[in-house]
């Protein structure tokens, strides 16, 4: 899924590839629910695909708050 770039363009392209991959996987597996762990952009691709496919999602962890300085 991930390209070898952490630039905004690379991340956006990686998200697109992720959505494609998750769409195919969700169609093949037809899960009753998708459990999401974390809050990185890779998880966003899974969440977007699940939303469009009308697969319920559960998010169980989002990381530590770093606060604003």
PDB file of N, CA and C in Angstrom:
ATOM      1  N   UNK A   1       0.811  -1.187   0.000  1.00  0.00           N
ATOM      2  CA  UNK A   1       0.000   0.000   0.000  1.00  0.00           C
ATOM      3  C   UNK A   1       0.853   1.248   0.000  1.00  0.00           C
ATOM      4  N   UNK A   2       1.895   1.296   0.795  1.00  0.00           N
ATOM      5  CA  UNK A   2       2.648   2.527   0.969  1.00  0.00           C
ATOM      6  C   UNK A   2       3.709   2.724  -0.096  1.00  0.00           C
ATOM      7  N   UNK A   3       3.774   3.935  -0.564  1.00  0.00           N
ATOM      8  CA  UNK A   3       4.873   4.313  -1.438  1.00  0.00           C
ATOM      9  C   UNK A   3       6.047   4.697  -0.542  1.00  0.00           C
ATOM     10  N   UNK A   4       7.205   4.794  -1.109  1.00  0.00           N
ATOM     11  CA  UNK A   4       8.389   5.102  -0.308  1.00  0.00           C
ATOM     12  C   UNK A   4       8.598   6.606  -0.158  1.00  0.00           C
ATOM     13  N   UNK A   5       7.527   7.334   0.025  1.00  0.00           N
ATOM     14  CA  UNK A   5       7.613   8.778   0.173  1.00  0.00           C
ATOM     15  C   UNK A   5       6.695   9.235   1.292  1.00  0.00           C
ATOM     16  N   UNK A   6       7.193  10.136   2.131  1.00  0.00           N
ATOM     17  CA  UNK A   6       6.341  10.680   3.183  1.00  0.00           C
ATOM     18  C   UNK A   6       5.987  12.143   2.910  1.00  0.00           C
ATOM     19  N   UNK A   7       6.052  12.529   1.642  1.00  0.00           N
ATOM     20  CA  UNK A   7       5.626  13.872   1.259  1.00  0.00           C
ATOM     21  C   UNK A   7       4.101  13.896   1.193  1.00  0.00           C
ATOM     22  N   UNK A   8       3.502  15.075   1.190  1.00  0.00           N
ATOM     23  CA  UNK A   8       2.047  15.138   1.060  1.00  0.00           C
ATOM     24  C   UNK A   8       1.528  14.422  -0.201  1.00  0.00           C
ATOM     25  N   UNK A   9       2.236  14.538  -1.291  1.00  0.00           N
ATOM     26  CA  UNK A   9       1.823  13.859  -2.529  1.00  0.00           C
ATOM     27  C   UNK A   9       1.956  12.348  -2.365  1.00  0.00           C
ATOM     28  N   UNK A  10       3.057  11.887  -1.795  1.00  0.00           N
ATOM     29  CA  UNK A  10       3.261  10.456  -1.580  1.00  0.00           C
ATOM     30  C   UNK A  10       2.219   9.861  -0.647  1.00  0.00           C
ATOM     31  N   UNK A  11       1.901  10.579   0.422  1.00  0.00           N
ATOM     32  CA  UNK A  11       0.892  10.100   1.360  1.00  0.00           C
ATOM     33  C   UNK A  11      -0.477  10.050   0.689  1.00  0.00           C
ATOM     34  N   UNK A  12      -0.820  11.069  -0.085  1.00  0.00           N
ATOM     35  CA  UNK A  12      -2.104  11.077  -0.791  1.00  0.00           C
ATOM     36  C   UNK A  12      -2.206   9.912  -1.769  1.00  0.00           C
ATOM     37  N   UNK A  13      -1.132   9.649  -2.487  1.00  0.00           N
ATOM     38  CA  UNK A  13      -1.140   8.516  -3.418  1.00  0.00           C
ATOM     39  C   UNK A  13      -1.250   7.194  -2.669  1.00  0.00           C
ATOM     40  N   UNK A  14      -0.583   7.095  -1.518  1.00  0.00           N
ATOM     41  CA  UNK A  14      -0.670   5.889  -0.708  1.00  0.00           C
ATOM     42  C   UNK A  14      -2.092   5.659  -0.205  1.00  0.00           C
ATOM     43  N   UNK A  15      -2.763   6.747   0.190  1.00  0.00           N
ATOM     44  CA  UNK A  15      -4.159   6.634   0.610  1.00  0.00           C
ATOM     45  C   UNK A  15      -5.017   6.077  -0.517  1.00  0.00           C
ATOM     46  N   UNK A  16      -4.806   6.582  -1.722  1.00  0.00           N
ATOM     47  CA  UNK A  16      -5.563   6.090  -2.876  1.00  0.00           C
ATOM     48  C   UNK A  16      -5.337   4.608  -3.120  1.00  0.00           C
ATOM     49  N   UNK A  17      -4.081   4.193  -3.054  1.00  0.00           N
ATOM     50  CA  UNK A  17      -3.777   2.767  -3.222  1.00  0.00           C
ATOM     51  C   UNK A  17      -4.399   1.935  -2.102  1.00  0.00           C
ATOM     52  N   UNK A  18      -4.386   2.486  -0.901  1.00  0.00           N
ATOM     53  CA  UNK A  18      -4.977   1.787   0.238  1.00  0.00           C
ATOM     54  C   UNK A  18      -6.469   1.596   0.076  1.00  0.00           C
ATOM     55  N   UNK A  19      -7.163   2.632  -0.374  1.00  0.00           N
ATOM     56  CA  UNK A  19      -8.609   2.537  -0.591  1.00  0.00           C
ATOM     57  C   UNK A  19      -8.915   1.459  -1.629  1.00  0.00           C
ATOM     58  N   UNK A  20      -8.135   1.411  -2.692  1.00  0.00           N
ATOM     59  CA  UNK A  20      -8.323   0.382  -3.727  1.00  0.00           C
ATOM     60  C   UNK A  20      -8.161  -1.013  -3.119  1.00  0.00           C
ATOM     61  N   UNK A  21      -7.090  -1.209  -2.371  1.00  0.00           N
ATOM     62  CA  UNK A  21      -6.826  -2.510  -1.764  1.00  0.00           C
ATOM     63  C   UNK A  21      -7.887  -2.912  -0.755  1.00  0.00           C
ATOM     64  N   UNK A  22      -8.290  -1.971   0.118  1.00  0.00           N
ATOM     65  CA  UNK A  22      -9.306  -2.284   1.114  1.00  0.00           C
ATOM     66  C   UNK A  22     -10.664  -2.528   0.466  1.00  0.00           C
ATOM     67  N   UNK A  23     -10.981  -1.796  -0.591  1.00  0.00           N
ATOM     68  CA  UNK A  23     -12.254  -2.022  -1.284  1.00  0.00           C
ATOM     69  C   UNK A  23     -12.324  -3.451  -1.813  1.00  0.00           C
ATOM     70  N   UNK A  24     -11.258  -3.903  -2.436  1.00  0.00           N
ATOM     71  CA  UNK A  24     -11.220  -5.278  -2.956  1.00  0.00           C
ATOM     72  C   UNK A  24     -11.324  -6.301  -1.824  1.00  0.00           C
ATOM     73  N   UNK A  25     -10.598  -6.065  -0.739  1.00  0.00           N
ATOM     74  CA  UNK A  25     -10.595  -7.006   0.378  1.00  0.00           C
ATOM     75  C   UNK A  25     -11.957  -7.066   1.065  1.00  0.00           C
ATOM     76  N   UNK A  26     -12.570  -5.920   1.295  1.00  0.00           N
ATOM     77  CA  UNK A  26     -13.890  -5.903   1.923  1.00  0.00           C
ATOM     78  C   UNK A  26     -14.930  -6.584   1.040  1.00  0.00           C
ATOM     79  N   UNK A  27     -14.818  -6.396  -0.265  1.00  0.00           N
ATOM     80  CA  UNK A  27     -15.741  -7.055  -1.187  1.00  0.00           C
ATOM     81  C   UNK A  27     -15.566  -8.573  -1.143  1.00  0.00           C
ATOM     82  N   UNK A  28     -14.327  -9.025  -1.051  1.00  0.00           N
ATOM     83  CA  UNK A  28     -14.044 -10.458  -1.032  1.00  0.00           C
ATOM     84  C   UNK A  28     -14.439 -11.104   0.295  1.00  0.00           C
ATOM     85  N   UNK A  29     -14.137 -10.433   1.420  1.00  0.00           N
ATOM     86  CA  UNK A  29     -14.374 -11.018   2.741  1.00  0.00           C
ATOM     87  C   UNK A  29     -15.796 -10.792   3.264  1.00  0.00           C
ATOM     88  N   UNK A  30     -16.400  -9.685   2.876  1.00  0.00           N
ATOM     89  CA  UNK A  30     -17.740  -9.312   3.351  1.00  0.00           C
ATOM     90  C   UNK A  30     -17.873  -9.437   4.879  1.00  0.00           C
ATOM     91  N   UNK A  31     -17.050  -8.683   5.623  1.00  0.00           N
ATOM     92  CA  UNK A  31     -17.081  -8.798   7.086  1.00  0.00           C
ATOM     93  C   UNK A  31     -18.348  -8.174   7.677  1.00  0.00           C
ATOM     94  N   UNK A  32     -18.710  -8.641   8.878  1.00  0.00           N
ATOM     95  CA  UNK A  32     -19.841  -8.060   9.601  1.00  0.00           C
ATOM     96  C   UNK A  32     -19.452  -6.730  10.247  1.00  0.00           C
ATOM     97  N   UNK A  33     -18.165  -6.606  10.580  1.00  0.00           N
ATOM     98  CA  UNK A  33     -17.647  -5.391  11.207  1.00  0.00           C
ATOM     99  C   UNK A  33     -16.154  -5.287  10.914  1.00  0.00           C
ATOM    100  N   UNK A  34     -15.641  -4.081  10.893  1.00  0.00           N
ATOM    101  CA  UNK A  34     -14.208  -3.851  10.717  1.00  0.00           C
ATOM    102  C   UNK A  34     -13.700  -3.150  11.968  1.00  0.00           C
ATOM    103  N   UNK A  35     -12.747  -3.757  12.654  1.00  0.00           N
ATOM    104  CA  UNK A  35     -12.160  -3.170  13.854  1.00  0.00           C
ATOM    105  C   UNK A  35     -10.884  -2.434  13.445  1.00  0.00           C
ATOM    106  N   UNK A  36     -10.848  -1.157  13.752  1.00  0.00           N
ATOM    107  CA  UNK A  36      -9.716  -0.308  13.371  1.00  0.00           C
ATOM    108  C   UNK A  36      -8.863  -0.014  14.597  1.00  0.00           C
ATOM    109  N   UNK A  37      -7.569  -0.179  14.442  1.00  0.00           N
ATOM    110  CA  UNK A  37      -6.632   0.078  15.526  1.00  0.00           C
ATOM    111  C   UNK A  37      -5.690   1.197  15.092  1.00  0.00           C
ATOM    112  N   UNK A  38      -5.681   2.277  15.840  1.00  0.00           N
ATOM    113  CA  UNK A  38      -4.768   3.375  15.538  1.00  0.00           C
ATOM    114  C   UNK A  38      -5.456   4.522  14.833  1.00  0.00           C
ATOM    115  N   UNK A  39      -4.659   5.537  14.523  1.00  0.00           N
ATOM    116  CA  UNK A  39      -5.222   6.724  13.883  1.00  0.00           C
ATOM    117  C   UNK A  39      -4.293   7.299  12.810  1.00  0.00           C
ATOM    118  N   UNK A  40      -3.516   6.437  12.200  1.00  0.00           N
ATOM    119  CA  UNK A  40      -2.652   6.881  11.119  1.00  0.00           C
ATOM    120  C   UNK A  40      -3.427   6.926   9.805  1.00  0.00           C
ATOM    121  N   UNK A  41      -2.823   7.496   8.780  1.00  0.00           N
ATOM    122  CA  UNK A  41      -3.549   7.653   7.522  1.00  0.00           C
ATOM    123  C   UNK A  41      -3.865   6.327   6.842  1.00  0.00           C
ATOM    124  N   UNK A  42      -3.101   5.273   7.153  1.00  0.00           N
ATOM    125  CA  UNK A  42      -3.423   3.967   6.583  1.00  0.00           C
ATOM    126  C   UNK A  42      -4.803   3.503   7.051  1.00  0.00           C
ATOM    127  N   UNK A  43      -5.122   3.804   8.297  1.00  0.00           N
ATOM    128  CA  UNK A  43      -6.414   3.429   8.858  1.00  0.00           C
ATOM    129  C   UNK A  43      -7.521   4.253   8.216  1.00  0.00           C
ATOM    130  N   UNK A  44      -7.216   5.476   7.835  1.00  0.00           N
ATOM    131  CA  UNK A  44      -8.202   6.310   7.141  1.00  0.00           C
ATOM    132  C   UNK A  44      -8.648   5.641   5.850  1.00  0.00           C
ATOM    133  N   UNK A  45      -7.721   5.029   5.121  1.00  0.00           N
ATOM    134  CA  UNK A  45      -8.076   4.336   3.871  1.00  0.00           C
ATOM    135  C   UNK A  45      -9.034   3.187   4.156  1.00  0.00           C
ATOM    136  N   UNK A  46      -8.786   2.430   5.218  1.00  0.00           N
ATOM    137  CA  UNK A  46      -9.682   1.327   5.587  1.00  0.00           C
ATOM    138  C   UNK A  46     -11.049   1.867   5.994  1.00  0.00           C
ATOM    139  N   UNK A  47     -11.062   2.930   6.786  1.00  0.00           N
ATOM    140  CA  UNK A  47     -12.324   3.507   7.251  1.00  0.00           C
ATOM    141  C   UNK A  47     -13.148   4.049   6.083  1.00  0.00           C
ATOM    142  N   UNK A  48     -12.501   4.717   5.146  1.00  0.00           N
ATOM    143  CA  UNK A  48     -13.220   5.243   3.980  1.00  0.00           C
ATOM    144  C   UNK A  48     -13.834   4.119   3.164  1.00  0.00           C
ATOM    145  N   UNK A  49     -13.072   3.076   2.940  1.00  0.00           N
ATOM    146  CA  UNK A  49     -13.570   1.946   2.158  1.00  0.00           C
ATOM    147  C   UNK A  49     -14.742   1.271   2.865  1.00  0.00           C
ATOM    148  N   UNK A  50     -14.626   1.109   4.177  1.00  0.00           N
ATOM    149  CA  UNK A  50     -15.704   0.483   4.943  1.00  0.00           C
ATOM    150  C   UNK A  50     -16.961   1.340   4.927  1.00  0.00           C
ATOM    151  N   UNK A  51     -16.793   2.649   5.026  1.00  0.00           N
ATOM    152  CA  UNK A  51     -17.955   3.536   5.010  1.00  0.00           C
ATOM    153  C   UNK A  51     -18.716   3.400   3.692  1.00  0.00           C
ATOM    154  N   UNK A  52     -18.005   3.424   2.587  1.00  0.00           N
ATOM    155  CA  UNK A  52     -18.637   3.314   1.270  1.00  0.00           C
ATOM    156  C   UNK A  52     -19.296   1.948   1.100  1.00  0.00           C
ATOM    157  N   UNK A  53     -18.654   0.896   1.635  1.00  0.00           N
ATOM    158  CA  UNK A  53     -19.191  -0.469   1.523  1.00  0.00           C
ATOM    159  C   UNK A  53     -20.258  -0.755   2.584  1.00  0.00           C
ATOM    160  N   UNK A  54     -20.533   0.227   3.433  1.00  0.00           N
ATOM    161  CA  UNK A  54     -21.517   0.089   4.505  1.00  0.00           C
ATOM    162  C   UNK A  54     -21.181  -1.046   5.470  1.00  0.00           C
ATOM    163  N   UNK A  55     -19.890  -1.155   5.765  1.00  0.00           N
ATOM    164  CA  UNK A  55     -19.419  -2.107   6.763  1.00  0.00           C
ATOM    165  C   UNK A  55     -19.256  -1.329   8.074  1.00  0.00           C
ATOM    166  N   UNK A  56     -19.943  -1.735   9.133  1.00  0.00           N
ATOM    167  CA  UNK A  56     -19.784  -1.036  10.416  1.00  0.00           C
ATOM    168  C   UNK A  56     -18.335  -1.105  10.889  1.00  0.00           C
ATOM    169  N   UNK A  57     -17.894  -0.049  11.554  1.00  0.00           N
ATOM    170  CA  UNK A  57     -16.521  -0.011  12.047  1.00  0.00           C
ATOM    171  C   UNK A  57     -16.503   0.235  13.549  1.00  0.00           C
ATOM    172  N   UNK A  58     -15.445  -0.248  14.172  1.00  0.00           N
ATOM    173  CA  UNK A  58     -15.179   0.027  15.579  1.00  0.00           C
ATOM    174  C   UNK A  58     -13.739   0.489  15.680  1.00  0.00           C
ATOM    175  N   UNK A  59     -13.533   1.609  16.346  1.00  0.00           N
ATOM    176  CA  UNK A  59     -12.192   2.167  16.514  1.00  0.00           C
ATOM    177  C   UNK A  59     -11.800   1.993  17.965  1.00  0.00           C
ATOM    178  N   UNK A  60     -10.697   1.277  18.222  1.00  0.00           N
ATOM    179  CA  UNK A  60     -10.386   0.943  19.608  1.00  0.00           C
ATOM    180  C   UNK A  60      -9.192   1.675  20.222  1.00  0.00           C
ATOM    181  N   UNK A  61      -8.433   2.420  19.432  1.00  0.00           N
ATOM    182  CA  UNK A  61      -7.298   3.125  20.029  1.00  0.00           C
ATOM    183  C   UNK A  61      -6.839   4.222  19.090  1.00  0.00           C
ATOM    184  N   UNK A  62      -6.546   5.388  19.647  1.00  0.00           N
ATOM    185  CA  UNK A  62      -6.139   6.500  18.824  1.00  0.00           C
ATOM    186  C   UNK A  62      -4.801   7.091  19.154  1.00  0.00           C
ATOM    187  N   UNK A  63      -4.044   6.504  20.034  1.00  0.00           N
ATOM    188  CA  UNK A  63      -2.736   7.054  20.351  1.00  0.00           C
ATOM    189  C   UNK A  63      -2.791   8.036  21.506  1.00  0.00           C
ATOM    190  N   UNK A  64      -1.625   8.500  21.885  1.00  0.00           N
ATOM    191  CA  UNK A  64      -1.515   9.425  23.003  1.00  0.00           C
ATOM    192  C   UNK A  64      -1.675  10.857  22.525  1.00  0.00           C
ATOM    193  N   UNK A  65      -2.297  11.646  23.342  1.00  0.00           N
ATOM    194  CA  UNK A  65      -2.425  13.064  23.044  1.00  0.00           C
ATOM    195  C   UNK A  65      -1.091  13.735  23.332  1.00  0.00           C
ATOM    196  N   UNK A  66      -0.623  14.499  22.387  1.00  0.00           N
ATOM    197  CA  UNK A  66       0.666  15.185  22.561  1.00  0.00           C
ATOM    198  C   UNK A  66       0.490  16.617  23.031  1.00  0.00           C
ATOM    199  N   UNK A  67      -0.720  17.112  22.951  1.00  0.00           N
ATOM    200  CA  UNK A  67      -0.978  18.482  23.394  1.00  0.00           C
ATOM    201  C   UNK A  67      -0.402  19.500  22.419  1.00  0.00           C
ATOM    202  N   UNK A  68      -0.698  20.747  22.686  1.00  0.00           N
ATOM    203  CA  UNK A  68      -0.205  21.841  21.845  1.00  0.00           C
ATOM    204  C   UNK A  68       0.759  22.678  22.658  1.00  0.00           C
ATOM    205  N   UNK A  69       1.860  23.035  22.030  1.00  0.00           N
ATOM    206  CA  UNK A  69       2.866  23.843  22.707  1.00  0.00           C
ATOM    207  C   UNK A  69       3.103  25.101  21.932  1.00  0.00           C
TER     208      UNK A  69
END
